[in-house]
Protein backbone atom coordinates (compact mmCIF):
# COMPACT_ATOMS: atom_id res chain seq x y z
CA UNK A 1 0.00 0.00 0.00
CA UNK A 2 1.43 3.38 -0.97
CA UNK A 3 2.00 6.23 1.44
CA UNK A 4 -0.69 8.94 1.38
CA UNK A 5 0.10 12.45 0.17
CA UNK A 6 -0.19 15.10 2.88
CA UNK A 7 -1.24 18.74 2.59
CA UNK A 8 0.75 21.68 3.96
CA UNK A 9 -1.59 21.75 6.99
CA UNK A 10 -1.07 18.03 7.58
CA UNK A 11 2.73 18.22 7.37
CA UNK A 12 2.79 21.33 9.60
CA UNK A 13 0.80 19.41 12.23
CA UNK A 14 3.06 16.38 11.78
CA UNK A 15 6.15 18.52 12.46
CA UNK A 16 4.58 20.79 15.08
CA UNK A 17 5.25 24.00 13.15
CA UNK A 18 3.11 26.57 11.36
CA UNK A 19 2.12 26.35 7.72
CA UNK A 20 4.12 29.56 7.12
CA UNK A 21 7.23 27.77 8.40
CA UNK A 22 6.59 24.89 5.98
CA UNK A 23 6.38 27.31 3.03
CA UNK A 24 9.56 29.09 4.18
CA UNK A 25 11.40 25.75 4.42
CA UNK A 26 10.28 24.82 0.89
CA UNK A 27 11.79 28.00 -0.55
CA UNK A 28 14.78 28.53 1.77
CA UNK A 29 15.86 25.06 2.84
CA UNK A 30 14.81 22.78 -0.03
CA UNK A 31 12.22 20.88 1.99
CA UNK A 32 11.03 17.92 -0.12
CA UNK A 33 7.65 18.91 -1.57
CA UNK A 34 5.78 18.29 -4.79
CA UNK A 35 3.61 20.89 -6.52
CA UNK A 36 0.29 19.48 -7.72
CA UNK A 37 -1.55 22.26 -9.52
CA UNK A 38 -1.58 25.14 -7.03
CA UNK A 39 -1.10 22.89 -3.99
CA UNK A 40 2.02 21.57 -2.29
CA UNK A 41 1.91 17.89 -1.35
CA UNK A 42 4.28 15.98 0.91
CA UNK A 43 5.27 12.42 1.77
CA UNK A 44 5.89 12.12 5.50
CA UNK A 45 8.78 9.66 4.97
CA UNK A 46 10.63 12.14 2.69
CA UNK A 47 10.10 15.02 5.11
CA UNK A 48 11.14 12.90 8.12
CA UNK A 49 14.36 11.88 6.36
CA UNK A 50 15.02 15.54 5.46
CA UNK A 51 14.55 16.60 9.11
CA UNK A 52 16.78 13.77 10.40
CA UNK A 53 19.44 14.83 7.89
CA UNK A 54 19.51 18.33 9.35
CA UNK A 55 17.44 20.04 6.68
CA UNK A 56 15.40 22.03 9.20
CA UNK A 57 18.36 22.96 11.41
CA UNK A 58 18.92 26.61 12.24
CA UNK A 59 22.32 27.94 11.09
CA UNK A 60 24.79 27.78 13.97
CA UNK A 61 22.58 25.43 15.96
CA UNK A 62 24.39 22.62 17.73
CA UNK A 63 23.63 19.09 16.62
CA UNK A 64 22.62 16.25 18.91
CA UNK A 65 25.08 15.32 21.67
CA UNK A 66 27.48 12.48 20.92
C-alpha atoms as a PDB file:
ATOM      1  CA  UNK A   1       0.000   0.000   0.000  1.00  0.00           C
ATOM      2  CA  UNK A   2       1.428   3.376  -0.969  1.00  0.00           C
ATOM      3  CA  UNK A   3       2.001   6.227   1.438  1.00  0.00           C
ATOM      4  CA  UNK A   4      -0.690   8.942   1.384  1.00  0.00           C
ATOM      5  CA  UNK A   5       0.100  12.453   0.173  1.00  0.00           C
ATOM      6  CA  UNK A   6      -0.194  15.096   2.884  1.00  0.00           C
ATOM      7  CA  UNK A   7      -1.240  18.739   2.589  1.00  0.00           C
ATOM      8  CA  UNK A   8       0.747  21.685   3.960  1.00  0.00           C
ATOM      9  CA  UNK A   9      -1.587  21.747   6.986  1.00  0.00           C
ATOM     10  CA  UNK A  10      -1.068  18.029   7.576  1.00  0.00           C
ATOM     11  CA  UNK A  11       2.733  18.222   7.368  1.00  0.00           C
ATOM     12  CA  UNK A  12       2.793  21.326   9.600  1.00  0.00           C
ATOM     13  CA  UNK A  13       0.797  19.414  12.234  1.00  0.00           C
ATOM     14  CA  UNK A  14       3.056  16.379  11.780  1.00  0.00           C
ATOM     15  CA  UNK A  15       6.148  18.515  12.463  1.00  0.00           C
ATOM     16  CA  UNK A  16       4.581  20.786  15.082  1.00  0.00           C
ATOM     17  CA  UNK A  17       5.253  24.001  13.151  1.00  0.00           C
ATOM     18  CA  UNK A  18       3.112  26.570  11.363  1.00  0.00           C
ATOM     19  CA  UNK A  19       2.120  26.352   7.716  1.00  0.00           C
ATOM     20  CA  UNK A  20       4.123  29.563   7.120  1.00  0.00           C
ATOM     21  CA  UNK A  21       7.230  27.767   8.398  1.00  0.00           C
ATOM     22  CA  UNK A  22       6.590  24.894   5.984  1.00  0.00           C
ATOM     23  CA  UNK A  23       6.382  27.314   3.029  1.00  0.00           C
ATOM     24  CA  UNK A  24       9.565  29.086   4.183  1.00  0.00           C
ATOM     25  CA  UNK A  25      11.405  25.753   4.417  1.00  0.00           C
ATOM     26  CA  UNK A  26      10.282  24.824   0.888  1.00  0.00           C
ATOM     27  CA  UNK A  27      11.789  28.004  -0.554  1.00  0.00           C
ATOM     28  CA  UNK A  28      14.780  28.533   1.769  1.00  0.00           C
ATOM     29  CA  UNK A  29      15.861  25.057   2.842  1.00  0.00           C
ATOM     30  CA  UNK A  30      14.806  22.785  -0.032  1.00  0.00           C
ATOM     31  CA  UNK A  31      12.224  20.883   1.990  1.00  0.00           C
ATOM     32  CA  UNK A  32      11.027  17.919  -0.118  1.00  0.00           C
ATOM     33  CA  UNK A  33       7.653  18.911  -1.567  1.00  0.00           C
ATOM     34  CA  UNK A  34       5.775  18.293  -4.790  1.00  0.00           C
ATOM     35  CA  UNK A  35       3.606  20.893  -6.518  1.00  0.00           C
ATOM     36  CA  UNK A  36       0.289  19.479  -7.723  1.00  0.00           C
ATOM     37  CA  UNK A  37      -1.554  22.259  -9.516  1.00  0.00           C
ATOM     38  CA  UNK A  38      -1.584  25.137  -7.034  1.00  0.00           C
ATOM     39  CA  UNK A  39      -1.101  22.887  -3.994  1.00  0.00           C
ATOM     40  CA  UNK A  40       2.022  21.573  -2.290  1.00  0.00           C
ATOM     41  CA  UNK A  41       1.915  17.890  -1.352  1.00  0.00           C
ATOM     42  CA  UNK A  42       4.281  15.975   0.911  1.00  0.00           C
ATOM     43  CA  UNK A  43       5.266  12.425   1.772  1.00  0.00           C
ATOM     44  CA  UNK A  44       5.887  12.119   5.503  1.00  0.00           C
ATOM     45  CA  UNK A  45       8.778   9.664   4.971  1.00  0.00           C
ATOM     46  CA  UNK A  46      10.626  12.135   2.695  1.00  0.00           C
ATOM     47  CA  UNK A  47      10.100  15.018   5.111  1.00  0.00           C
ATOM     48  CA  UNK A  48      11.140  12.905   8.120  1.00  0.00           C
ATOM     49  CA  UNK A  49      14.365  11.884   6.355  1.00  0.00           C
ATOM     50  CA  UNK A  50      15.022  15.545   5.464  1.00  0.00           C
ATOM     51  CA  UNK A  51      14.548  16.602   9.112  1.00  0.00           C
ATOM     52  CA  UNK A  52      16.779  13.770  10.396  1.00  0.00           C
ATOM     53  CA  UNK A  53      19.441  14.826   7.888  1.00  0.00           C
ATOM     54  CA  UNK A  54      19.511  18.326   9.352  1.00  0.00           C
ATOM     55  CA  UNK A  55      17.439  20.036   6.679  1.00  0.00           C
ATOM     56  CA  UNK A  56      15.401  22.034   9.197  1.00  0.00           C
ATOM     57  CA  UNK A  57      18.355  22.958  11.410  1.00  0.00           C
ATOM     58  CA  UNK A  58      18.924  26.607  12.242  1.00  0.00           C
ATOM     59  CA  UNK A  59      22.317  27.939  11.094  1.00  0.00           C
ATOM     60  CA  UNK A  60      24.787  27.784  13.971  1.00  0.00           C
ATOM     61  CA  UNK A  61      22.585  25.428  15.962  1.00  0.00           C
ATOM     62  CA  UNK A  62      24.386  22.620  17.729  1.00  0.00           C
ATOM     63  CA  UNK A  63      23.631  19.090  16.616  1.00  0.00           C
ATOM     64  CA  UNK A  64      22.618  16.250  18.911  1.00  0.00           C
ATOM     65  CA  UNK A  65      25.078  15.318  21.669  1.00  0.00           C
ATOM     66  CA  UNK A  66      27.479  12.482  20.916  1.00  0.00           C
END
